[in-house]
Amino acid sequence: MADKQETLSAEQLDAMTPDERAQAFRDRIVTDAHELPEDFRRKIYDRAQQLGAERADRS
């Protein structure tokens, strides 16, 4: 991700208010696939192709 967010520990999450926790999760949602590392993005696309082919074979 362009401005990579730190990973939050359970302890950090527990110390947050419910609103802060919800915001922390919202801040970490990736909506642009190009923000993901190329190798991870490739795995997702490859798996989607595989699942699509398997579904087509069952039809």
N, C-alpha and C. Protein backbone atom coordinates (compact mmCIF):
# COMPACT_ATOMS: atom_id res chain seq x y z
N MET A 1 0.84 -1.17 0.00
CA MET A 1 0.00 0.00 0.00
C MET A 1 0.89 1.24 0.00
N ALA A 2 0.43 2.25 -0.63
CA ALA A 2 1.24 3.45 -0.79
C ALA A 2 1.70 4.02 0.55
N ASP A 3 0.79 4.29 1.46
CA ASP A 3 1.16 4.77 2.80
C ASP A 3 0.81 3.68 3.80
N LYS A 4 1.60 2.64 3.76
CA LYS A 4 1.34 1.41 4.51
C LYS A 4 1.05 1.67 5.98
N GLN A 5 -0.07 1.15 6.44
CA GLN A 5 -0.47 1.28 7.83
C GLN A 5 0.19 0.19 8.65
N GLU A 6 0.53 0.51 9.88
CA GLU A 6 1.12 -0.48 10.76
C GLU A 6 0.09 -1.56 11.10
N THR A 7 0.58 -2.73 11.41
CA THR A 7 -0.28 -3.80 11.89
C THR A 7 -0.62 -3.51 13.34
N LEU A 8 -1.88 -3.68 13.68
CA LEU A 8 -2.32 -3.42 15.04
C LEU A 8 -2.37 -4.72 15.83
N SER A 9 -1.90 -4.65 17.05
CA SER A 9 -1.95 -5.82 17.93
C SER A 9 -3.31 -5.88 18.62
N ALA A 10 -3.63 -7.03 19.17
CA ALA A 10 -4.86 -7.18 19.93
C ALA A 10 -4.87 -6.20 21.11
N GLU A 11 -3.72 -6.01 21.71
CA GLU A 11 -3.61 -5.08 22.84
C GLU A 11 -3.95 -3.65 22.41
N GLN A 12 -3.45 -3.25 21.24
CA GLN A 12 -3.76 -1.91 20.74
C GLN A 12 -5.25 -1.77 20.45
N LEU A 13 -5.82 -2.79 19.82
CA LEU A 13 -7.25 -2.75 19.51
C LEU A 13 -8.09 -2.70 20.78
N ASP A 14 -7.70 -3.48 21.77
CA ASP A 14 -8.43 -3.49 23.04
C ASP A 14 -8.40 -2.13 23.73
N ALA A 15 -7.34 -1.37 23.52
CA ALA A 15 -7.20 -0.07 24.17
C ALA A 15 -8.03 1.02 23.47
N MET A 16 -8.56 0.72 22.28
CA MET A 16 -9.31 1.70 21.51
C MET A 16 -10.78 1.68 21.89
N THR A 17 -11.41 2.81 21.64
CA THR A 17 -12.86 2.86 21.77
C THR A 17 -13.45 2.12 20.57
N PRO A 18 -14.72 1.73 20.64
CA PRO A 18 -15.32 1.07 19.47
C PRO A 18 -15.22 1.93 18.20
N ASP A 19 -15.41 3.23 18.32
CA ASP A 19 -15.30 4.10 17.15
C ASP A 19 -13.88 4.15 16.60
N GLU A 20 -12.89 4.22 17.49
CA GLU A 20 -11.49 4.22 17.06
C GLU A 20 -11.13 2.91 16.37
N ARG A 21 -11.62 1.81 16.91
CA ARG A 21 -11.35 0.50 16.33
C ARG A 21 -11.96 0.40 14.94
N ALA A 22 -13.20 0.85 14.81
CA ALA A 22 -13.86 0.82 13.50
C ALA A 22 -13.11 1.67 12.50
N GLN A 23 -12.65 2.84 12.92
CA GLN A 23 -11.89 3.71 12.03
C GLN A 23 -10.56 3.08 11.63
N ALA A 24 -9.91 2.42 12.56
CA ALA A 24 -8.64 1.75 12.26
C ALA A 24 -8.83 0.69 11.18
N PHE A 25 -9.93 -0.05 11.26
CA PHE A 25 -10.20 -1.04 10.22
C PHE A 25 -10.52 -0.36 8.89
N ARG A 26 -11.34 0.68 8.93
CA ARG A 26 -11.67 1.39 7.68
C ARG A 26 -10.42 1.96 7.02
N ASP A 27 -9.49 2.45 7.84
CA ASP A 27 -8.25 3.02 7.30
C ASP A 27 -7.39 1.99 6.58
N ARG A 28 -7.60 0.73 6.87
CA ARG A 28 -6.77 -0.33 6.30
C ARG A 28 -7.43 -1.09 5.16
N ILE A 29 -8.62 -0.68 4.76
CA ILE A 29 -9.29 -1.33 3.64
C ILE A 29 -8.66 -0.85 2.34
N VAL A 30 -8.27 -1.79 1.51
CA VAL A 30 -7.67 -1.47 0.21
C VAL A 30 -8.75 -1.55 -0.84
N THR A 31 -8.97 -0.45 -1.56
CA THR A 31 -9.99 -0.42 -2.61
C THR A 31 -9.39 -0.39 -4.01
N ASP A 32 -8.10 -0.24 -4.10
CA ASP A 32 -7.42 -0.22 -5.39
C ASP A 32 -6.42 -1.37 -5.42
N ALA A 33 -6.68 -2.33 -6.29
CA ALA A 33 -5.81 -3.52 -6.36
C ALA A 33 -4.36 -3.15 -6.64
N HIS A 34 -4.12 -2.04 -7.29
CA HIS A 34 -2.75 -1.64 -7.60
C HIS A 34 -1.96 -1.21 -6.36
N GLU A 35 -2.65 -1.02 -5.23
CA GLU A 35 -1.97 -0.71 -3.98
C GLU A 35 -1.41 -1.98 -3.32
N LEU A 36 -1.83 -3.14 -3.79
CA LEU A 36 -1.37 -4.41 -3.24
C LEU A 36 -0.03 -4.80 -3.87
N PRO A 37 0.79 -5.54 -3.14
CA PRO A 37 2.04 -6.03 -3.74
C PRO A 37 1.74 -6.90 -4.96
N GLU A 38 2.55 -6.79 -5.98
CA GLU A 38 2.33 -7.51 -7.24
C GLU A 38 2.18 -9.01 -7.03
N ASP A 39 3.02 -9.64 -6.21
CA ASP A 39 2.93 -11.08 -6.03
C ASP A 39 1.62 -11.49 -5.37
N PHE A 40 1.14 -10.70 -4.42
CA PHE A 40 -0.13 -11.00 -3.77
C PHE A 40 -1.28 -10.82 -4.76
N ARG A 41 -1.23 -9.74 -5.54
CA ARG A 41 -2.27 -9.48 -6.54
C ARG A 41 -2.32 -10.62 -7.56
N ARG A 42 -1.16 -11.11 -7.98
CA ARG A 42 -1.09 -12.20 -8.95
C ARG A 42 -1.74 -13.46 -8.37
N LYS A 43 -1.49 -13.76 -7.09
CA LYS A 43 -2.10 -14.93 -6.45
C LYS A 43 -3.62 -14.82 -6.45
N ILE A 44 -4.12 -13.63 -6.16
CA ILE A 44 -5.57 -13.42 -6.15
C ILE A 44 -6.15 -13.65 -7.54
N TYR A 45 -5.55 -13.04 -8.55
CA TYR A 45 -6.04 -13.19 -9.92
C TYR A 45 -5.96 -14.64 -10.39
N ASP A 46 -4.85 -15.32 -10.07
CA ASP A 46 -4.70 -16.72 -10.46
C ASP A 46 -5.78 -17.59 -9.81
N ARG A 47 -6.04 -17.34 -8.53
CA ARG A 47 -7.06 -18.12 -7.81
C ARG A 47 -8.44 -17.84 -8.39
N ALA A 48 -8.72 -16.60 -8.74
CA ALA A 48 -10.01 -16.27 -9.35
C ALA A 48 -10.18 -16.99 -10.68
N GLN A 49 -9.12 -17.05 -11.47
CA GLN A 49 -9.18 -17.78 -12.74
C GLN A 49 -9.47 -19.26 -12.50
N GLN A 50 -8.78 -19.84 -11.52
CA GLN A 50 -8.96 -21.25 -11.19
C GLN A 50 -10.40 -21.52 -10.76
N LEU A 51 -10.93 -20.69 -9.87
CA LEU A 51 -12.31 -20.89 -9.40
C LEU A 51 -13.31 -20.72 -10.53
N GLY A 52 -13.06 -19.75 -11.42
CA GLY A 52 -13.93 -19.57 -12.57
C GLY A 52 -13.93 -20.77 -13.49
N ALA A 53 -12.76 -21.36 -13.73
CA ALA A 53 -12.64 -22.54 -14.58
C ALA A 53 -13.34 -23.72 -13.93
N GLU A 54 -13.18 -23.89 -12.62
CA GLU A 54 -13.84 -25.00 -11.92
C GLU A 54 -15.35 -24.86 -11.99
N ARG A 55 -15.83 -23.64 -11.85
CA ARG A 55 -17.28 -23.40 -11.91
C ARG A 55 -17.81 -23.69 -13.31
N ALA A 56 -17.05 -23.27 -14.32
CA ALA A 56 -17.46 -23.50 -15.69
C ALA A 56 -17.51 -24.99 -16.01
N ASP A 57 -16.58 -25.76 -15.43
CA ASP A 57 -16.54 -27.20 -15.66
C ASP A 57 -17.77 -27.90 -15.06
N ARG A 58 -18.31 -27.36 -13.98
CA ARG A 58 -19.48 -27.96 -13.33
C ARG A 58 -20.77 -27.61 -14.03
N SER A 59 -20.76 -26.61 -14.89
CA SER A 59 -21.98 -26.18 -15.57
C SER A 59 -22.33 -27.08 -16.73
